[in-house]
Amino acid sequence: MTETVMGRKKRTRYEIIHDILSQCENGAKKTWLMYKANLSYELTNNYINRLVEKDLITSKDGLYYLTDKGKKLLELLKEYKEKKTALDKVTAQIKEIYGED
């Protein structure tokens, strides 16, 4: 689930993985992944290590690339993100009508 942190929504693990994988489509350096996914160095390393372990990304010449398995997961995560966005809009409307913040 997402939580609100100082007015911002906290991203889910799947949203973070989506952000990382989408950057790896054409190859990305670790620092670029860290910047684009808005993660600390430590969190970036944790996610990269897990994604490499699960054969979702691979490293070559200092860049990270999607594997075929990673491409499949990225497509599913894109679908997840679209549906989550739509659901968040419906939830906001429900809260507005029902009177919750």
PDB file of N, CA and C in Angstrom:
ATOM      1  N   MET A   1       0.830  -1.181   0.000  1.00  0.00           N
ATOM      2  CA  MET A   1       0.000   0.000   0.000  1.00  0.00           C
ATOM      3  C   MET A   1       0.880   1.253   0.000  1.00  0.00           C
ATOM      4  N   THR A   2       0.323   2.328  -0.457  1.00  0.00           N
ATOM      5  CA  THR A   2       1.055   3.581  -0.410  1.00  0.00           C
ATOM      6  C   THR A   2       0.651   4.345   0.843  1.00  0.00           C
ATOM      7  N   GLU A   3       1.584   5.084   1.372  1.00  0.00           N
ATOM      8  CA  GLU A   3       1.323   5.916   2.526  1.00  0.00           C
ATOM      9  C   GLU A   3       1.638   7.348   2.136  1.00  0.00           C
ATOM     10  N   THR A   4       1.020   8.276   2.841  1.00  0.00           N
ATOM     11  CA  THR A   4       1.321   9.674   2.592  1.00  0.00           C
ATOM     12  C   THR A   4       2.445  10.097   3.522  1.00  0.00           C
ATOM     13  N   VAL A   5       3.466  10.702   2.950  1.00  0.00           N
ATOM     14  CA  VAL A   5       4.599  11.198   3.714  1.00  0.00           C
ATOM     15  C   VAL A   5       4.737  12.684   3.414  1.00  0.00           C
ATOM     16  N   MET A   6       4.455  13.525   4.397  1.00  0.00           N
ATOM     17  CA  MET A   6       4.529  14.983   4.235  1.00  0.00           C
ATOM     18  C   MET A   6       3.837  15.449   2.948  1.00  0.00           C
ATOM     19  N   GLY A   7       2.610  15.020   2.749  1.00  0.00           N
ATOM     20  CA  GLY A   7       1.856  15.464   1.594  1.00  0.00           C
ATOM     21  C   GLY A   7       2.156  14.718   0.306  1.00  0.00           C
ATOM     22  N   ARG A   8       3.183  13.866   0.322  1.00  0.00           N
ATOM     23  CA  ARG A   8       3.534  13.084  -0.867  1.00  0.00           C
ATOM     24  C   ARG A   8       3.169  11.629  -0.626  1.00  0.00           C
ATOM     25  N   LYS A   9       2.823  10.961  -1.699  1.00  0.00           N
ATOM     26  CA  LYS A   9       2.549   9.532  -1.569  1.00  0.00           C
ATOM     27  C   LYS A   9       3.842   8.751  -1.647  1.00  0.00           C
ATOM     28  N   LYS A  10       3.974   7.801  -0.750  1.00  0.00           N
ATOM     29  CA  LYS A  10       5.129   6.909  -0.758  1.00  0.00           C
ATOM     30  C   LYS A  10       4.905   5.884  -1.867  1.00  0.00           C
ATOM     31  N   ARG A  11       5.932   5.675  -2.665  1.00  0.00           N
ATOM     32  CA  ARG A  11       5.803   4.716  -3.771  1.00  0.00           C
ATOM     33  C   ARG A  11       5.828   3.284  -3.246  1.00  0.00           C
ATOM     34  N   THR A  12       5.137   2.429  -3.963  1.00  0.00           N
ATOM     35  CA  THR A  12       5.192   1.012  -3.627  1.00  0.00           C
ATOM     36  C   THR A  12       6.496   0.431  -4.173  1.00  0.00           C
ATOM     37  N   ARG A  13       6.848  -0.723  -3.694  1.00  0.00           N
ATOM     38  CA  ARG A  13       8.034  -1.422  -4.194  1.00  0.00           C
ATOM     39  C   ARG A  13       7.924  -1.651  -5.694  1.00  0.00           C
ATOM     40  N   TYR A  14       6.719  -1.996  -6.150  1.00  0.00           N
ATOM     41  CA  TYR A  14       6.526  -2.244  -7.577  1.00  0.00           C
ATOM     42  C   TYR A  14       6.731  -0.979  -8.403  1.00  0.00           C
ATOM     43  N   GLU A  15       6.330   0.163  -7.875  1.00  0.00           N
ATOM     44  CA  GLU A  15       6.533   1.417  -8.594  1.00  0.00           C
ATOM     45  C   GLU A  15       8.021   1.752  -8.693  1.00  0.00           C
ATOM     46  N   ILE A  16       8.761   1.479  -7.635  1.00  0.00           N
ATOM     47  CA  ILE A  16      10.214   1.712  -7.653  1.00  0.00           C
ATOM     48  C   ILE A  16      10.883   0.779  -8.657  1.00  0.00           C
ATOM     49  N   ILE A  17      10.487  -0.484  -8.642  1.00  0.00           N
ATOM     50  CA  ILE A  17      11.055  -1.453  -9.591  1.00  0.00           C
ATOM     51  C   ILE A  17      10.723  -1.022 -11.017  1.00  0.00           C
ATOM     52  N   HIS A  18       9.505  -0.563 -11.249  1.00  0.00           N
ATOM     53  CA  HIS A  18       9.124  -0.050 -12.575  1.00  0.00           C
ATOM     54  C   HIS A  18      10.060   1.070 -13.001  1.00  0.00           C
ATOM     55  N   ASP A  19      10.309   2.010 -12.085  1.00  0.00           N
ATOM     56  CA  ASP A  19      11.168   3.145 -12.414  1.00  0.00           C
ATOM     57  C   ASP A  19      12.581   2.686 -12.786  1.00  0.00           C
ATOM     58  N   ILE A  20      13.104   1.727 -12.062  1.00  0.00           N
ATOM     59  CA  ILE A  20      14.452   1.225 -12.352  1.00  0.00           C
ATOM     60  C   ILE A  20      14.478   0.476 -13.680  1.00  0.00           C
ATOM     61  N   LEU A  21      13.549  -0.449 -13.852  1.00  0.00           N
ATOM     62  CA  LEU A  21      13.531  -1.246 -15.080  1.00  0.00           C
ATOM     63  C   LEU A  21      13.328  -0.378 -16.318  1.00  0.00           C
ATOM     64  N   SER A  22      12.474   0.639 -16.217  1.00  0.00           N
ATOM     65  CA  SER A  22      12.220   1.476 -17.390  1.00  0.00           C
ATOM     66  C   SER A  22      13.484   2.229 -17.808  1.00  0.00           C
ATOM     67  N   GLN A  23      14.352   2.542 -16.862  1.00  0.00           N
ATOM     68  CA  GLN A  23      15.612   3.214 -17.192  1.00  0.00           C
ATOM     69  C   GLN A  23      16.623   2.260 -17.830  1.00  0.00           C
ATOM     70  N   CYS A  24      16.478   0.979 -17.561  1.00  0.00           N
ATOM     71  CA  CYS A  24      17.421  -0.022 -18.075  1.00  0.00           C
ATOM     72  C   CYS A  24      17.110  -0.468 -19.498  1.00  0.00           C
ATOM     73  N   GLU A  25      16.014  -0.007 -20.065  1.00  0.00           N
ATOM     74  CA  GLU A  25      15.624  -0.445 -21.405  1.00  0.00           C
ATOM     75  C   GLU A  25      16.726  -0.208 -22.430  1.00  0.00           C
ATOM     76  N   ASN A  26      17.390   0.927 -22.347  1.00  0.00           N
ATOM     77  CA  ASN A  26      18.452   1.239 -23.305  1.00  0.00           C
ATOM     78  C   ASN A  26      19.826   1.279 -22.654  1.00  0.00           C
ATOM     79  N   GLY A  27      19.919   0.762 -21.450  1.00  0.00           N
ATOM     80  CA  GLY A  27      21.175   0.760 -20.712  1.00  0.00           C
ATOM     81  C   GLY A  27      21.280   1.987 -19.822  1.00  0.00           C
ATOM     82  N   ALA A  28      21.675   1.784 -18.578  1.00  0.00           N
ATOM     83  CA  ALA A  28      21.774   2.901 -17.645  1.00  0.00           C
ATOM     84  C   ALA A  28      22.868   2.638 -16.620  1.00  0.00           C
ATOM     85  N   LYS A  29      23.583   3.704 -16.259  1.00  0.00           N
ATOM     86  CA  LYS A  29      24.582   3.619 -15.200  1.00  0.00           C
ATOM     87  C   LYS A  29      23.879   3.631 -13.849  1.00  0.00           C
ATOM     88  N   LYS A  30      24.571   3.125 -12.846  1.00  0.00           N
ATOM     89  CA  LYS A  30      24.003   3.071 -11.505  1.00  0.00           C
ATOM     90  C   LYS A  30      23.603   4.464 -11.010  1.00  0.00           C
ATOM     91  N   THR A  31      24.447   5.459 -11.243  1.00  0.00           N
ATOM     92  CA  THR A  31      24.128   6.806 -10.764  1.00  0.00           C
ATOM     93  C   THR A  31      22.884   7.363 -11.446  1.00  0.00           C
ATOM     94  N   TRP A  32      22.702   7.035 -12.717  1.00  0.00           N
ATOM     95  CA  TRP A  32      21.509   7.467 -13.437  1.00  0.00           C
ATOM     96  C   TRP A  32      20.273   6.788 -12.860  1.00  0.00           C
ATOM     97  N   LEU A  33      20.384   5.495 -12.542  1.00  0.00           N
ATOM     98  CA  LEU A  33      19.263   4.778 -11.938  1.00  0.00           C
ATOM     99  C   LEU A  33      18.901   5.405 -10.596  1.00  0.00           C
ATOM    100  N   MET A  34      19.913   5.723  -9.817  1.00  0.00           N
ATOM    101  CA  MET A  34      19.709   6.317  -8.499  1.00  0.00           C
ATOM    102  C   MET A  34      18.970   7.654  -8.649  1.00  0.00           C
ATOM    103  N   TYR A  35      19.412   8.460  -9.591  1.00  0.00           N
ATOM    104  CA  TYR A  35      18.814   9.767  -9.823  1.00  0.00           C
ATOM    105  C   TYR A  35      17.381   9.644 -10.345  1.00  0.00           C
ATOM    106  N   LYS A  36      17.195   8.844 -11.380  1.00  0.00           N
ATOM    107  CA  LYS A  36      15.881   8.725 -12.018  1.00  0.00           C
ATOM    108  C   LYS A  36      14.851   8.025 -11.124  1.00  0.00           C
ATOM    109  N   ALA A  37      15.309   7.085 -10.307  1.00  0.00           N
ATOM    110  CA  ALA A  37      14.385   6.383  -9.414  1.00  0.00           C
ATOM    111  C   ALA A  37      14.239   7.114  -8.075  1.00  0.00           C
ATOM    112  N   ASN A  38      15.009   8.201  -7.904  1.00  0.00           N
ATOM    113  CA  ASN A  38      14.954   9.004  -6.687  1.00  0.00           C
ATOM    114  C   ASN A  38      15.186   8.157  -5.436  1.00  0.00           C
ATOM    115  N   LEU A  39      16.316   7.421  -5.442  1.00  0.00           N
ATOM    116  CA  LEU A  39      16.665   6.539  -4.334  1.00  0.00           C
ATOM    117  C   LEU A  39      18.032   6.910  -3.777  1.00  0.00           C
ATOM    118  N   SER A  40      18.257   6.530  -2.536  1.00  0.00           N
ATOM    119  CA  SER A  40      19.586   6.699  -1.953  1.00  0.00           C
ATOM    120  C   SER A  40      20.534   5.683  -2.593  1.00  0.00           C
ATOM    121  N   TYR A  41      21.821   5.910  -2.383  1.00  0.00           N
ATOM    122  CA  TYR A  41      22.825   4.991  -2.921  1.00  0.00           C
ATOM    123  C   TYR A  41      22.601   3.578  -2.386  1.00  0.00           C
ATOM    124  N   GLU A  42      22.353   3.477  -1.084  1.00  0.00           N
ATOM    125  CA  GLU A  42      22.156   2.160  -0.460  1.00  0.00           C
ATOM    126  C   GLU A  42      20.924   1.448  -1.011  1.00  0.00           C
ATOM    127  N   LEU A  43      19.814   2.173  -1.116  1.00  0.00           N
ATOM    128  CA  LEU A  43      18.601   1.553  -1.666  1.00  0.00           C
ATOM    129  C   LEU A  43      18.792   1.163  -3.124  1.00  0.00           C
ATOM    130  N   THR A  44      19.469   2.006  -3.878  1.00  0.00           N
ATOM    131  CA  THR A  44      19.741   1.687  -5.284  1.00  0.00           C
ATOM    132  C   THR A  44      20.523   0.383  -5.382  1.00  0.00           C
ATOM    133  N   ASN A  45      21.570   0.252  -4.576  1.00  0.00           N
ATOM    134  CA  ASN A  45      22.355  -0.988  -4.572  1.00  0.00           C
ATOM    135  C   ASN A  45      21.497  -2.189  -4.210  1.00  0.00           C
ATOM    136  N   ASN A  46      20.648  -2.040  -3.194  1.00  0.00           N
ATOM    137  CA  ASN A  46      19.782  -3.156  -2.777  1.00  0.00           C
ATOM    138  C   ASN A  46      18.868  -3.596  -3.913  1.00  0.00           C
ATOM    139  N   TYR A  47      18.225  -2.627  -4.556  1.00  0.00           N
ATOM    140  CA  TYR A  47      17.319  -2.967  -5.659  1.00  0.00           C
ATOM    141  C   TYR A  47      18.085  -3.581  -6.834  1.00  0.00           C
ATOM    142  N   ILE A  48      19.211  -2.975  -7.209  1.00  0.00           N
ATOM    143  CA  ILE A  48      19.995  -3.502  -8.328  1.00  0.00           C
ATOM    144  C   ILE A  48      20.439  -4.931  -8.040  1.00  0.00           C
ATOM    145  N   ASN A  49      20.969  -5.173  -6.860  1.00  0.00           N
ATOM    146  CA  ASN A  49      21.418  -6.525  -6.505  1.00  0.00           C
ATOM    147  C   ASN A  49      20.278  -7.529  -6.592  1.00  0.00           C
ATOM    148  N   ARG A  50      19.112  -7.156  -6.094  1.00  0.00           N
ATOM    149  CA  ARG A  50      17.959  -8.065  -6.138  1.00  0.00           C
ATOM    150  C   ARG A  50      17.511  -8.307  -7.573  1.00  0.00           C
ATOM    151  N   LEU A  51      17.493  -7.257  -8.386  1.00  0.00           N
ATOM    152  CA  LEU A  51      17.068  -7.402  -9.785  1.00  0.00           C
ATOM    153  C   LEU A  51      18.054  -8.246 -10.592  1.00  0.00           C
ATOM    154  N   VAL A  52      19.348  -8.115 -10.297  1.00  0.00           N
ATOM    155  CA  VAL A  52      20.359  -8.953 -10.956  1.00  0.00           C
ATOM    156  C   VAL A  52      20.189 -10.402 -10.511  1.00  0.00           C
ATOM    157  N   GLU A  53      20.018 -10.615  -9.204  1.00  0.00           N
ATOM    158  CA  GLU A  53      19.812 -11.974  -8.662  1.00  0.00           C
ATOM    159  C   GLU A  53      18.637 -12.665  -9.332  1.00  0.00           C
ATOM    160  N   LYS A  54      17.573 -11.915  -9.572  1.00  0.00           N
ATOM    161  CA  LYS A  54      16.357 -12.487 -10.146  1.00  0.00           C
ATOM    162  C   LYS A  54      16.400 -12.515 -11.676  1.00  0.00           C
ATOM    163  N   ASP A  55      17.572 -12.180 -12.256  1.00  0.00           N
ATOM    164  CA  ASP A  55      17.774 -12.192 -13.705  1.00  0.00           C
ATOM    165  C   ASP A  55      16.799 -11.279 -14.443  1.00  0.00           C
ATOM    166  N   LEU A  56      16.535 -10.110 -13.844  1.00  0.00           N
ATOM    167  CA  LEU A  56      15.671  -9.126 -14.482  1.00  0.00           C
ATOM    168  C   LEU A  56      16.487  -8.048 -15.185  1.00  0.00           C
ATOM    169  N   ILE A  57      17.700  -7.803 -14.672  1.00  0.00           N
ATOM    170  CA  ILE A  57      18.646  -6.901 -15.332  1.00  0.00           C
ATOM    171  C   ILE A  57      20.015  -7.561 -15.326  1.00  0.00           C
ATOM    172  N   THR A  58      20.865  -7.094 -16.215  1.00  0.00           N
ATOM    173  CA  THR A  58      22.222  -7.608 -16.296  1.00  0.00           C
ATOM    174  C   THR A  58      23.174  -6.428 -16.492  1.00  0.00           C
ATOM    175  N   SER A  59      24.400  -6.601 -16.057  1.00  0.00           N
ATOM    176  CA  SER A  59      25.388  -5.535 -16.161  1.00  0.00           C
ATOM    177  C   SER A  59      26.383  -5.865 -17.272  1.00  0.00           C
ATOM    178  N   LYS A  60      26.654  -4.848 -18.109  1.00  0.00           N
ATOM    179  CA  LYS A  60      27.645  -5.013 -19.177  1.00  0.00           C
ATOM    180  C   LYS A  60      28.295  -3.655 -19.435  1.00  0.00           C
ATOM    181  N   ASP A  61      29.618  -3.622 -19.355  1.00  0.00           N
ATOM    182  CA  ASP A  61      30.397  -2.407 -19.611  1.00  0.00           C
ATOM    183  C   ASP A  61      29.949  -1.225 -18.745  1.00  0.00           C
ATOM    184  N   GLY A  62      29.624  -1.498 -17.482  1.00  0.00           N
ATOM    185  CA  GLY A  62      29.245  -0.439 -16.556  1.00  0.00           C
ATOM    186  C   GLY A  62      27.812   0.052 -16.689  1.00  0.00           C
ATOM    187  N   LEU A  63      27.039  -0.598 -17.554  1.00  0.00           N
ATOM    188  CA  LEU A  63      25.630  -0.235 -17.735  1.00  0.00           C
ATOM    189  C   LEU A  63      24.738  -1.410 -17.363  1.00  0.00           C
ATOM    190  N   TYR A  64      23.526  -1.105 -16.940  1.00  0.00           N
ATOM    191  CA  TYR A  64      22.540  -2.136 -16.621  1.00  0.00           C
ATOM    192  C   TYR A  64      21.498  -2.178 -17.723  1.00  0.00           C
ATOM    193  N   TYR A  65      21.192  -3.399 -18.160  1.00  0.00           N
ATOM    194  CA  TYR A  65      20.233  -3.626 -19.239  1.00  0.00           C
ATOM    195  C   TYR A  65      19.163  -4.609 -18.783  1.00  0.00           C
ATOM    196  N   LEU A  66      17.979  -4.486 -19.402  1.00  0.00           N
ATOM    197  CA  LEU A  66      16.905  -5.448 -19.140  1.00  0.00           C
ATOM    198  C   LEU A  66      17.221  -6.791 -19.782  1.00  0.00           C
ATOM    199  N   THR A  67      16.873  -7.850 -19.083  1.00  0.00           N
ATOM    200  CA  THR A  67      16.894  -9.179 -19.683  1.00  0.00           C
ATOM    201  C   THR A  67      15.510  -9.403 -20.300  1.00  0.00           C
ATOM    202  N   ASP A  68      15.320 -10.515 -20.988  1.00  0.00           N
ATOM    203  CA  ASP A  68      13.989 -10.817 -21.535  1.00  0.00           C
ATOM    204  C   ASP A  68      12.966 -10.927 -20.410  1.00  0.00           C
ATOM    205  N   LYS A  69      13.365 -11.542 -19.312  1.00  0.00           N
ATOM    206  CA  LYS A  69      12.487 -11.669 -18.146  1.00  0.00           C
ATOM    207  C   LYS A  69      12.155 -10.283 -17.591  1.00  0.00           C
ATOM    208  N   GLY A  70      13.130  -9.389 -17.573  1.00  0.00           N
ATOM    209  CA  GLY A  70      12.923  -8.020 -17.108  1.00  0.00           C
ATOM    210  C   GLY A  70      11.959  -7.253 -17.995  1.00  0.00           C
ATOM    211  N   LYS A  71      12.051  -7.492 -19.305  1.00  0.00           N
ATOM    212  CA  LYS A  71      11.135  -6.832 -20.246  1.00  0.00           C
ATOM    213  C   LYS A  71       9.691  -7.258 -19.982  1.00  0.00           C
ATOM    214  N   LYS A  72       9.495  -8.549 -19.708  1.00  0.00           N
ATOM    215  CA  LYS A  72       8.147  -9.053 -19.417  1.00  0.00           C
ATOM    216  C   LYS A  72       7.613  -8.420 -18.134  1.00  0.00           C
ATOM    217  N   LEU A  73       8.467  -8.358 -17.120  1.00  0.00           N
ATOM    218  CA  LEU A  73       8.042  -7.764 -15.848  1.00  0.00           C
ATOM    219  C   LEU A  73       7.728  -6.283 -16.038  1.00  0.00           C
ATOM    220  N   LEU A  74       8.530  -5.570 -16.805  1.00  0.00           N
ATOM    221  CA  LEU A  74       8.287  -4.151 -17.031  1.00  0.00           C
ATOM    222  C   LEU A  74       6.924  -3.929 -17.684  1.00  0.00           C
ATOM    223  N   GLU A  75       6.566  -4.752 -18.640  1.00  0.00           N
ATOM    224  CA  GLU A  75       5.251  -4.623 -19.280  1.00  0.00           C
ATOM    225  C   GLU A  75       4.128  -4.822 -18.257  1.00  0.00           C
ATOM    226  N   LEU A  76       4.283  -5.804 -17.384  1.00  0.00           N
ATOM    227  CA  LEU A  76       3.272  -6.036 -16.344  1.00  0.00           C
ATOM    228  C   LEU A  76       3.215  -4.869 -15.359  1.00  0.00           C
ATOM    229  N   LEU A  77       4.365  -4.324 -15.029  1.00  0.00           N
ATOM    230  CA  LEU A  77       4.400  -3.196 -14.094  1.00  0.00           C
ATOM    231  C   LEU A  77       3.799  -1.934 -14.716  1.00  0.00           C
ATOM    232  N   LYS A  78       3.946  -1.764 -16.017  1.00  0.00           N
ATOM    233  CA  LYS A  78       3.299  -0.634 -16.695  1.00  0.00           C
ATOM    234  C   LYS A  78       1.781  -0.760 -16.573  1.00  0.00           C
ATOM    235  N   GLU A  79       1.290  -1.969 -16.791  1.00  0.00           N
ATOM    236  CA  GLU A  79      -0.147  -2.227 -16.656  1.00  0.00           C
ATOM    237  C   GLU A  79      -0.594  -1.984 -15.212  1.00  0.00           C
ATOM    238  N   TYR A  80       0.204  -2.455 -14.254  1.00  0.00           N
ATOM    239  CA  TYR A  80      -0.089  -2.264 -12.828  1.00  0.00           C
ATOM    240  C   TYR A  80      -0.190  -0.771 -12.504  1.00  0.00           C
ATOM    241  N   LYS A  81       0.780   0.001 -12.998  1.00  0.00           N
ATOM    242  CA  LYS A  81       0.828   1.428 -12.702  1.00  0.00           C
ATOM    243  C   LYS A  81      -0.388   2.158 -13.279  1.00  0.00           C
ATOM    244  N   GLU A  82      -0.771   1.795 -14.500  1.00  0.00           N
ATOM    245  CA  GLU A  82      -1.947   2.407 -15.123  1.00  0.00           C
ATOM    246  C   GLU A  82      -3.208   2.114 -14.320  1.00  0.00           C
ATOM    247  N   LYS A  83      -3.376   0.863 -13.919  1.00  0.00           N
ATOM    248  CA  LYS A  83      -4.570   0.478 -13.169  1.00  0.00           C
ATOM    249  C   LYS A  83      -4.566   1.103 -11.773  1.00  0.00           C
ATOM    250  N   LYS A  84      -3.399   1.212 -11.167  1.00  0.00           N
ATOM    251  CA  LYS A  84      -3.293   1.813  -9.844  1.00  0.00           C
ATOM    252  C   LYS A  84      -3.650   3.294  -9.918  1.00  0.00           C
ATOM    253  N   THR A  85      -3.192   3.978 -10.951  1.00  0.00           N
ATOM    254  CA  THR A  85      -3.518   5.393 -11.131  1.00  0.00           C
ATOM    255  C   THR A  85      -5.023   5.583 -11.259  1.00  0.00           C
ATOM    256  N   ALA A  86      -5.660   4.741 -12.053  1.00  0.00           N
ATOM    257  CA  ALA A  86      -7.111   4.817 -12.225  1.00  0.00           C
ATOM    258  C   ALA A  86      -7.822   4.548 -10.890  1.00  0.00           C
ATOM    259  N   LEU A  87      -7.352   3.560 -10.158  1.00  0.00           N
ATOM    260  CA  LEU A  87      -7.953   3.226  -8.875  1.00  0.00           C
ATOM    261  C   LEU A  87      -7.752   4.353  -7.862  1.00  0.00           C
ATOM    262  N   ASP A  88      -6.589   4.990  -7.871  1.00  0.00           N
ATOM    263  CA  ASP A  88      -6.329   6.117  -6.973  1.00  0.00           C
ATOM    264  C   ASP A  88      -7.304   7.264  -7.245  1.00  0.00           C
ATOM    265  N   LYS A  89      -7.627   7.495  -8.514  1.00  0.00           N
ATOM    266  CA  LYS A  89      -8.577   8.550  -8.867  1.00  0.00           C
ATOM    267  C   LYS A  89      -9.966   8.226  -8.329  1.00  0.00           C
ATOM    268  N   VAL A  90     -10.380   6.988  -8.471  1.00  0.00           N
ATOM    269  CA  VAL A  90     -11.688   6.561  -7.960  1.00  0.00           C
ATOM    270  C   VAL A  90     -11.708   6.683  -6.432  1.00  0.00           C
ATOM    271  N   THR A  91     -10.642   6.272  -5.791  1.00  0.00           N
ATOM    272  CA  THR A  91     -10.544   6.358  -4.334  1.00  0.00           C
ATOM    273  C   THR A  91     -10.649   7.805  -3.873  1.00  0.00           C
ATOM    274  N   ALA A  92      -9.992   8.714  -4.571  1.00  0.00           N
ATOM    275  CA  ALA A  92     -10.051  10.137  -4.223  1.00  0.00           C
ATOM    276  C   ALA A  92     -11.484  10.661  -4.342  1.00  0.00           C
ATOM    277  N   GLN A  93     -12.187  10.239  -5.377  1.00  0.00           N
ATOM    278  CA  GLN A  93     -13.582  10.664  -5.566  1.00  0.00           C
ATOM    279  C   GLN A  93     -14.468  10.115  -4.455  1.00  0.00           C
ATOM    280  N   ILE A  94     -14.240   8.870  -4.082  1.00  0.00           N
ATOM    281  CA  ILE A  94     -15.014   8.257  -2.993  1.00  0.00           C
ATOM    282  C   ILE A  94     -14.788   9.031  -1.702  1.00  0.00           C
ATOM    283  N   LYS A  95     -13.530   9.334  -1.411  1.00  0.00           N
ATOM    284  CA  LYS A  95     -13.210  10.080  -0.185  1.00  0.00           C
ATOM    285  C   LYS A  95     -13.837  11.473  -0.201  1.00  0.00           C
ATOM    286  N   GLU A  96     -13.838  12.103  -1.382  1.00  0.00           N
ATOM    287  CA  GLU A  96     -14.421  13.433  -1.498  1.00  0.00           C
ATOM    288  C   GLU A  96     -15.918  13.392  -1.214  1.00  0.00           C
ATOM    289  N   ILE A  97     -16.607  12.429  -1.787  1.00  0.00           N
ATOM    290  CA  ILE A  97     -18.047  12.306  -1.599  1.00  0.00           C
ATOM    291  C   ILE A  97     -18.365  11.861  -0.181  1.00  0.00           C
ATOM    292  N   TYR A  98     -17.607  10.934   0.333  1.00  0.00           N
ATOM    293  CA  TYR A  98     -17.858  10.386   1.671  1.00  0.00           C
ATOM    294  C   TYR A  98     -17.412  11.351   2.762  1.00  0.00           C
ATOM    295  N   GLY A  99     -16.485  12.249   2.426  1.00  0.00           N
ATOM    296  CA  GLY A  99     -16.080  13.256   3.386  1.00  0.00           C
ATOM    297  C   GLY A  99     -14.805  12.964   4.142  1.00  0.00           C
ATOM    298  N   GLU A 100     -13.976  12.073   3.621  1.00  0.00           N
ATOM    299  CA  GLU A 100     -12.682  11.769   4.264  1.00  0.00           C
ATOM    300  C   GLU A 100     -11.589  12.585   3.604  1.00  0.00           C
ATOM    301  N   ASP A 101     -10.524  12.821   4.360  1.00  0.00           N
ATOM    302  CA  ASP A 101      -9.352  13.513   3.813  1.00  0.00           C
ATOM    303  C   ASP A 101      -8.440  12.549   3.124  1.00  0.00           C
TER     304      ASP A 101
END
